[in-house]
Amino acid sequence: MADLTERERHGSDELLHAALAGGKLPRWAVPALGVGAVLLAFLLNVTTSVDGVAGTLVVAVLIFVGAQTGWSFRVEGRRHAVDRLATTGVYATFLIALAPLVAVLATVIVKGAQVISSTFLLTSMRNVSSVAEGGGVYHALIGTLEQVGIAALIGIPLGILTAIYLVEYAPSARSRRLGHAISFFVDVMTGVPSVVVGLFVYTAFVLTLGMQRSGFAGSIALTILMLPVVVRSTEEMLRIVPRDLREASYALGIPKWRTILSVVLPTATAGIITGAMLAVARVAGETAPLLLTTFLSQSINNDPFSGPQASLPIFIWDQFTRGTDASVNRAWGGALVLIVLVMLLYLTAKIISRFTGVKKF
């Protein structure tokens, strides 16, 4: 009798679990719906006004979401259907946001790879006609490396020092007003358009102070654009360093400046370097301020302090606006070189941060 009661109890538990769990879509449902949505979207692309890769992708996602939600609502019930809808919506928005990036990268790689060669990388555009094949990006590559390098040498240390002041010293009673003022101007600089920065540098340094339109003038503009990114990213990294680490250092009698150098900065090194590289990537592709400050040169100029100097963004803009097949191809090649350069800088920063951060034992 006891065994029968146990069996009945076990059976009732299974029925209750089945009732709570409800039905479930088969494993092949999601892949089948995905394939069907893509095929139907492609059919609509051929037979209706739905056009382009992006439009077809959006239609396919909408069809998939609607079909899966309806099927899940019928089989699994409202609660599971809503859960699937929310989960699918997250993944769908991610794919829709990722699609333009993948499309741009694929286009640049496919078209730029047709131009990339040793000749393209090691020659300039001096005495090369816009309709003729040949020429290269060497003069622009040298200019970008020098201009961005100078901007980084000025902007990154200045931004880190500003962030240290805002986090470590500004909260004190005497410096609070100054800290608020600096923070306000950093926020203002974040929203200033790059062309306005270029106009400011051109007016203040070139026209007023008599500075030549050179790579260094462009570096000043890039420094102004880089500063708020470095300050804000470094400030956030310093704020997440545990307060206990600072207090433990103070308890040992270590002064504040030494605590910052030996405890706070090493703890936040990885985040600071990542933020600095984001700032470099942000200014490496700027065109408007460089057009106003460095002008346009088709020759190699290794001196950033004298005379016009080319850069990769200006090279891309110049070749594209010329409109010939040869110049447009060179513009695609320059775009690929710029993307690879930024990626190499970012990977280098990751490697540096990996080996310079605080070691975990």
Protein backbone atom coordinates (compact mmCIF):
# COMPACT_ATOMS: atom_id res chain seq x y z
CA MET A 1 0.00 0.00 0.00
CA ALA A 2 2.86 2.30 0.83
CA ASP A 3 4.52 1.51 -2.53
CA LEU A 4 1.30 2.36 -4.35
CA THR A 5 1.04 5.63 -2.51
CA GLU A 6 4.64 6.48 -3.41
CA ARG A 7 3.98 5.67 -7.05
CA GLU A 8 0.88 7.82 -7.09
CA ARG A 9 2.77 10.68 -5.48
CA HIS A 10 5.59 10.36 -8.04
CA GLY A 11 3.10 10.24 -10.87
CA SER A 12 1.29 13.32 -9.61
CA ASP A 13 4.61 15.18 -9.37
CA GLU A 14 5.38 14.33 -12.99
CA LEU A 15 1.93 15.52 -14.10
CA LEU A 16 2.35 18.75 -12.14
CA HIS A 17 5.79 19.35 -13.68
CA ALA A 18 4.40 18.70 -17.16
CA ALA A 19 1.51 21.05 -16.51
CA LEU A 20 3.84 23.80 -15.30
CA ALA A 21 6.37 23.26 -18.10
CA GLY A 22 3.77 23.07 -20.86
CA GLY A 23 4.67 22.17 -24.43
CA LYS A 24 8.02 22.91 -26.02
CA LEU A 25 9.08 23.71 -29.55
CA PRO A 26 11.14 20.98 -31.24
CA ARG A 27 14.88 21.51 -31.54
CA TRP A 28 14.68 21.91 -35.29
CA ALA A 29 12.11 24.72 -35.00
CA VAL A 30 14.53 27.66 -34.64
CA PRO A 31 16.91 26.63 -37.50
CA ALA A 32 13.94 25.80 -39.74
CA LEU A 33 12.30 29.14 -39.03
CA GLY A 34 15.60 30.92 -39.68
CA VAL A 35 16.08 29.26 -43.06
CA GLY A 36 12.47 29.85 -43.99
CA ALA A 37 12.66 33.53 -43.01
CA VAL A 38 15.78 34.05 -45.11
CA LEU A 39 14.25 32.29 -48.14
CA LEU A 40 11.01 34.26 -47.85
CA ALA A 41 12.90 37.55 -47.45
CA PHE A 42 14.97 36.71 -50.54
CA LEU A 43 11.76 35.95 -52.45
CA LEU A 44 10.32 39.30 -51.38
CA ASN A 45 13.58 40.94 -52.46
CA VAL A 46 13.11 39.52 -55.95
CA THR A 47 9.38 40.07 -56.35
CA THR A 48 8.68 43.25 -54.37
CA SER A 49 10.23 46.62 -53.55
CA VAL A 50 12.33 45.17 -50.72
CA ASP A 51 15.86 45.95 -51.85
CA GLY A 52 19.43 45.78 -50.64
CA VAL A 53 21.21 43.53 -48.19
CA ALA A 54 20.20 45.61 -45.17
CA GLY A 55 16.53 45.73 -46.16
CA THR A 56 16.43 42.00 -46.84
CA LEU A 57 18.09 41.28 -43.50
CA VAL A 58 15.58 43.42 -41.59
CA VAL A 59 12.65 41.72 -43.34
CA ALA A 60 14.11 38.27 -42.60
CA VAL A 61 14.51 39.16 -38.91
CA LEU A 62 10.94 40.47 -38.67
CA ILE A 63 9.55 37.35 -40.34
CA PHE A 64 11.57 35.10 -38.03
CA VAL A 65 10.50 36.97 -34.88
CA GLY A 66 6.83 36.96 -35.85
CA ALA A 67 6.75 33.29 -36.88
CA GLN A 68 8.64 32.09 -33.80
CA THR A 69 6.51 34.13 -31.41
CA GLY A 70 3.26 32.90 -32.94
CA TRP A 71 4.36 29.26 -32.93
CA SER A 72 5.69 29.51 -29.37
CA PHE A 73 2.47 31.15 -28.16
CA ARG A 74 0.44 28.31 -29.65
CA VAL A 75 2.63 25.45 -28.37
CA GLU A 76 4.39 26.73 -25.22
CA GLY A 77 1.98 29.31 -23.90
CA ARG A 78 2.10 33.04 -23.28
CA ARG A 79 4.92 33.08 -20.69
CA HIS A 80 7.40 31.14 -22.85
CA ALA A 81 6.35 33.06 -25.95
CA VAL A 82 7.08 36.41 -24.29
CA ASP A 83 10.43 35.07 -23.04
CA ARG A 84 11.37 33.89 -26.54
CA LEU A 85 10.27 37.21 -28.02
CA ALA A 86 12.46 39.19 -25.60
CA THR A 87 15.47 36.92 -26.12
CA THR A 88 15.08 36.92 -29.90
CA GLY A 89 14.64 40.69 -29.87
CA VAL A 90 17.98 41.16 -28.11
CA TYR A 91 19.81 38.95 -30.58
CA ALA A 92 17.95 40.45 -33.55
CA THR A 93 18.83 44.04 -32.64
CA PHE A 94 22.45 42.97 -32.14
CA LEU A 95 22.54 41.40 -35.62
CA ILE A 96 20.85 44.41 -37.21
CA ALA A 97 23.35 46.74 -35.54
CA LEU A 98 26.26 44.49 -36.52
CA ALA A 99 25.20 44.12 -40.16
CA PRO A 100 26.26 47.63 -41.33
CA LEU A 101 29.64 47.26 -39.61
CA VAL A 102 30.27 43.88 -41.24
CA ALA A 103 29.12 45.24 -44.60
CA VAL A 104 31.45 48.25 -44.36
CA LEU A 105 34.44 46.13 -43.30
CA ALA A 106 33.77 43.55 -46.00
CA THR A 107 33.48 46.24 -48.68
CA VAL A 108 36.67 47.99 -47.59
CA ILE A 109 38.61 44.71 -47.39
CA VAL A 110 37.41 43.43 -50.77
CA LYS A 111 37.97 46.68 -52.67
CA GLY A 112 41.05 47.81 -50.76
CA ALA A 113 42.85 44.48 -51.09
CA GLN A 114 42.83 44.90 -54.88
CA VAL A 115 45.06 47.97 -54.53
CA ILE A 116 47.34 47.02 -51.63
CA SER A 117 50.89 46.19 -52.70
CA SER A 118 54.43 47.06 -51.74
CA THR A 119 54.44 49.80 -54.36
CA PHE A 120 51.24 51.30 -52.98
CA LEU A 121 52.65 51.34 -49.45
CA LEU A 122 56.09 52.71 -50.33
CA THR A 123 55.36 55.43 -52.91
CA SER A 124 53.69 58.84 -52.79
CA MET A 125 51.32 60.64 -55.16
CA ARG A 126 53.96 63.08 -56.40
CA ASN A 127 53.63 63.62 -60.18
CA VAL A 128 50.88 60.98 -60.41
CA SER A 129 47.80 61.98 -62.41
CA SER A 130 44.35 61.28 -61.00
CA VAL A 131 43.46 59.19 -64.07
CA ALA A 132 46.68 57.18 -64.05
CA GLU A 133 47.31 53.98 -62.18
CA GLY A 134 50.12 53.81 -59.63
CA GLY A 135 51.03 56.11 -56.81
CA GLY A 136 50.69 55.22 -53.21
CA VAL A 137 49.92 56.12 -49.65
CA TYR A 138 53.40 56.37 -48.11
CA HIS A 139 53.35 60.16 -47.66
CA ALA A 140 49.92 60.03 -46.02
CA LEU A 141 50.89 57.11 -43.78
CA ILE A 142 53.96 58.99 -42.52
CA GLY A 143 51.83 62.08 -41.88
CA THR A 144 49.17 60.17 -39.92
CA LEU A 145 51.74 58.39 -37.76
CA GLU A 146 53.49 61.65 -36.91
CA GLN A 147 50.35 63.73 -36.34
CA VAL A 148 48.54 61.13 -34.24
CA GLY A 149 51.78 60.30 -32.40
CA ILE A 150 52.37 63.94 -31.43
CA ALA A 151 48.73 64.32 -30.40
CA ALA A 152 48.99 61.19 -28.25
CA LEU A 153 52.22 62.37 -26.61
CA ILE A 154 50.51 65.62 -25.61
CA GLY A 155 46.91 64.55 -25.06
CA ILE A 156 47.23 61.24 -23.23
CA PRO A 157 49.50 62.43 -20.36
CA LEU A 158 47.51 65.66 -20.03
CA GLY A 159 44.22 63.77 -19.99
CA ILE A 160 45.47 61.27 -17.40
CA LEU A 161 46.78 64.04 -15.14
CA THR A 162 43.46 65.88 -15.45
CA ALA A 163 41.54 62.73 -14.51
CA ILE A 164 43.81 62.13 -11.53
CA TYR A 165 43.15 65.66 -10.32
CA LEU A 166 39.37 65.29 -10.74
CA VAL A 167 39.24 61.97 -8.88
CA GLU A 168 41.92 62.31 -6.21
CA TYR A 169 42.24 66.02 -5.43
CA ALA A 170 39.13 67.90 -6.64
CA PRO A 171 36.75 66.43 -4.01
CA SER A 172 38.59 68.40 -1.30
CA ALA A 173 36.86 71.53 -0.06
CA ARG A 174 39.33 74.05 -1.52
CA SER A 175 39.45 72.55 -5.01
CA ARG A 176 35.79 71.65 -5.44
CA ARG A 177 34.85 74.69 -7.53
CA LEU A 178 37.85 74.29 -9.80
CA GLY A 179 37.03 70.60 -10.22
CA HIS A 180 33.45 71.40 -11.22
CA ALA A 181 34.70 73.96 -13.74
CA ILE A 182 37.18 71.52 -15.30
CA SER A 183 34.53 68.79 -15.46
CA PHE A 184 32.10 71.20 -17.11
CA PHE A 185 34.58 72.23 -19.80
CA VAL A 186 35.49 68.58 -20.46
CA ASP A 187 31.80 67.87 -21.06
CA VAL A 188 31.58 70.85 -23.40
CA MET A 189 34.66 69.71 -25.34
CA THR A 190 33.10 66.27 -25.79
CA GLY A 191 30.29 67.74 -27.86
CA VAL A 192 32.30 70.23 -29.93
CA PRO A 193 32.28 69.27 -33.65
CA SER A 194 35.69 68.49 -35.12
CA VAL A 195 35.36 71.15 -37.83
CA VAL A 196 34.89 73.80 -35.09
CA VAL A 197 38.10 72.62 -33.44
CA GLY A 198 39.86 72.89 -36.79
CA LEU A 199 38.57 76.44 -37.26
CA PHE A 200 39.71 77.36 -33.75
CA VAL A 201 43.25 76.07 -34.29
CA TYR A 202 43.42 77.69 -37.73
CA THR A 203 42.26 81.06 -36.37
CA ALA A 204 44.18 81.04 -33.09
CA PHE A 205 47.46 79.44 -34.13
CA VAL A 206 47.80 79.91 -37.90
CA LEU A 207 46.22 83.34 -38.47
CA THR A 208 46.87 84.95 -35.07
CA LEU A 209 50.20 83.44 -33.99
CA GLY A 210 51.60 82.96 -37.49
CA MET A 211 52.12 79.20 -37.23
CA GLN A 212 52.54 77.38 -40.52
CA ARG A 213 49.83 75.04 -41.76
CA SER A 214 51.70 71.89 -40.85
CA GLY A 215 51.40 68.51 -39.27
CA PHE A 216 51.98 70.00 -35.83
CA ALA A 217 49.02 72.37 -36.25
CA GLY A 218 46.91 69.33 -37.10
CA SER A 219 48.27 67.57 -34.02
CA ILE A 220 47.05 70.43 -31.83
CA ALA A 221 43.54 70.01 -33.24
CA LEU A 222 43.68 66.24 -32.70
CA THR A 223 44.89 66.79 -29.13
CA ILE A 224 41.86 68.94 -28.35
CA LEU A 225 39.57 66.23 -29.75
CA MET A 226 41.42 63.50 -27.87
CA LEU A 227 41.48 65.16 -24.44
CA PRO A 228 37.85 64.68 -23.31
CA VAL A 229 37.86 61.00 -24.31
CA VAL A 230 41.04 60.32 -22.34
CA VAL A 231 39.84 62.31 -19.33
CA ARG A 232 36.45 60.62 -19.08
CA SER A 233 37.71 57.06 -19.67
CA THR A 234 40.59 57.48 -17.20
CA GLU A 235 38.30 59.11 -14.65
CA GLU A 236 35.92 56.14 -14.77
CA MET A 237 38.77 53.66 -14.38
CA LEU A 238 40.18 55.52 -11.37
CA ARG A 239 36.78 55.70 -9.68
CA ILE A 240 36.28 51.93 -9.78
CA VAL A 241 39.57 51.28 -7.97
CA PRO A 242 38.48 50.06 -4.50
CA ARG A 243 38.73 52.66 -1.79
CA ASP A 244 40.15 50.02 0.54
CA LEU A 245 43.38 49.91 -1.48
CA ARG A 246 43.92 53.62 -0.95
CA GLU A 247 43.12 53.43 2.76
CA ALA A 248 45.45 50.47 3.26
CA SER A 249 48.26 52.44 1.62
CA TYR A 250 47.56 55.51 3.76
CA ALA A 251 47.53 53.31 6.88
CA LEU A 252 51.10 52.25 6.08
CA GLY A 253 52.17 55.87 6.06
CA ILE A 254 52.57 56.16 2.28
CA PRO A 255 51.88 59.68 0.99
CA LYS A 256 49.03 60.35 -1.42
CA TRP A 257 51.16 60.96 -4.52
CA ARG A 258 53.03 57.72 -3.96
CA THR A 259 49.74 55.85 -3.42
CA ILE A 260 48.47 57.15 -6.74
CA LEU A 261 51.63 56.11 -8.58
CA SER A 262 52.14 52.74 -6.90
CA VAL A 263 48.60 51.56 -6.14
CA VAL A 264 45.86 53.41 -8.02
CA LEU A 265 47.42 53.75 -11.48
CA PRO A 266 48.75 50.16 -11.71
CA THR A 267 45.33 48.85 -10.72
CA ALA A 268 43.62 50.86 -13.46
CA THR A 269 46.33 50.46 -16.10
CA ALA A 270 44.38 48.16 -18.42
CA GLY A 271 41.36 50.45 -18.54
CA ILE A 272 43.46 53.58 -18.95
CA ILE A 273 45.36 52.14 -21.91
CA THR A 274 42.13 50.95 -23.52
CA GLY A 275 40.61 54.41 -23.14
CA ALA A 276 43.73 56.03 -24.58
CA MET A 277 43.57 53.75 -27.62
CA LEU A 278 39.89 54.58 -28.09
CA ALA A 279 40.88 58.24 -28.12
CA VAL A 280 43.60 57.55 -30.70
CA ALA A 281 41.16 55.60 -32.86
CA ARG A 282 38.66 58.45 -32.53
CA VAL A 283 41.06 61.07 -33.92
CA ALA A 284 42.93 58.90 -36.44
CA GLY A 285 40.11 59.19 -38.95
CA GLU A 286 39.37 62.91 -38.54
CA THR A 287 39.39 64.84 -41.81
CA ALA A 288 37.83 68.28 -41.28
CA PRO A 289 40.34 69.73 -38.76
CA LEU A 290 43.28 68.45 -40.81
CA LEU A 291 41.99 70.06 -44.00
CA LEU A 292 42.09 73.42 -42.22
CA THR A 293 45.41 72.97 -40.44
CA THR A 294 47.69 70.70 -42.48
CA PHE A 295 46.44 71.50 -45.99
CA LEU A 296 46.95 68.97 -48.81
CA SER A 297 50.28 67.61 -50.02
CA GLN A 298 51.06 64.95 -52.60
CA SER A 299 54.73 64.73 -51.61
CA ILE A 300 56.58 63.14 -48.71
CA ASN A 301 57.15 65.54 -45.82
CA ASN A 302 58.89 63.96 -42.82
CA ASP A 303 58.97 67.23 -40.87
CA PRO A 304 55.64 67.82 -39.07
CA PHE A 305 56.72 71.33 -38.04
CA SER A 306 57.28 72.74 -41.51
CA GLY A 307 55.05 72.87 -44.55
CA PRO A 308 51.87 71.04 -45.56
CA GLN A 309 51.73 67.37 -44.64
CA ALA A 310 49.33 64.72 -45.90
CA SER A 311 47.43 62.21 -43.78
CA LEU A 312 45.38 59.10 -44.49
CA PRO A 313 41.94 60.73 -44.00
CA ILE A 314 42.87 63.62 -46.31
CA PHE A 315 44.36 61.17 -48.82
CA ILE A 316 41.09 59.20 -48.87
CA TRP A 317 39.01 62.37 -49.23
CA ASP A 318 41.23 63.78 -51.98
CA GLN A 319 41.32 60.60 -54.05
CA PHE A 320 37.60 59.99 -53.72
CA THR A 321 36.64 63.53 -54.75
CA ARG A 322 38.73 63.28 -57.92
CA GLY A 323 36.17 60.78 -59.18
CA THR A 324 38.26 58.66 -61.56
CA ASP A 325 38.40 54.87 -61.34
CA ALA A 326 42.09 54.90 -60.44
CA SER A 327 41.70 57.54 -57.71
CA VAL A 328 38.64 55.85 -56.17
CA ASN A 329 40.55 52.56 -56.04
CA ARG A 330 43.39 54.34 -54.25
CA ALA A 331 40.84 55.76 -51.79
CA TRP A 332 39.65 52.22 -50.96
CA GLY A 333 43.26 51.17 -50.45
CA GLY A 334 43.89 54.11 -48.12
CA ALA A 335 40.75 53.25 -46.13
CA LEU A 336 41.99 49.68 -45.65
CA VAL A 337 45.41 50.91 -44.52
CA LEU A 338 43.76 53.25 -41.99
CA ILE A 339 41.59 50.46 -40.56
CA VAL A 340 44.56 48.09 -40.27
CA LEU A 341 46.62 50.81 -38.59
CA VAL A 342 43.95 51.46 -35.95
CA MET A 343 43.55 47.73 -35.33
CA LEU A 344 47.30 47.31 -34.87
CA LEU A 345 47.38 50.18 -32.38
CA TYR A 346 44.51 48.65 -30.45
CA LEU A 347 46.11 45.19 -30.37
CA THR A 348 49.39 46.72 -29.23
CA ALA A 349 47.58 48.50 -26.41
CA LYS A 350 45.90 45.26 -25.36
CA ILE A 351 49.25 43.47 -25.25
CA ILE A 352 50.82 46.29 -23.23
CA SER A 353 47.95 46.37 -20.75
CA ARG A 354 48.13 42.59 -20.34
CA PHE A 355 51.75 42.70 -19.18
CA THR A 356 51.74 45.99 -17.28
CA GLY A 357 48.67 45.55 -15.08
CA VAL A 358 48.60 44.28 -11.54
CA LYS A 359 49.59 40.61 -11.42
CA LYS A 360 47.16 38.17 -9.82
CA PHE A 361 48.56 35.34 -7.80
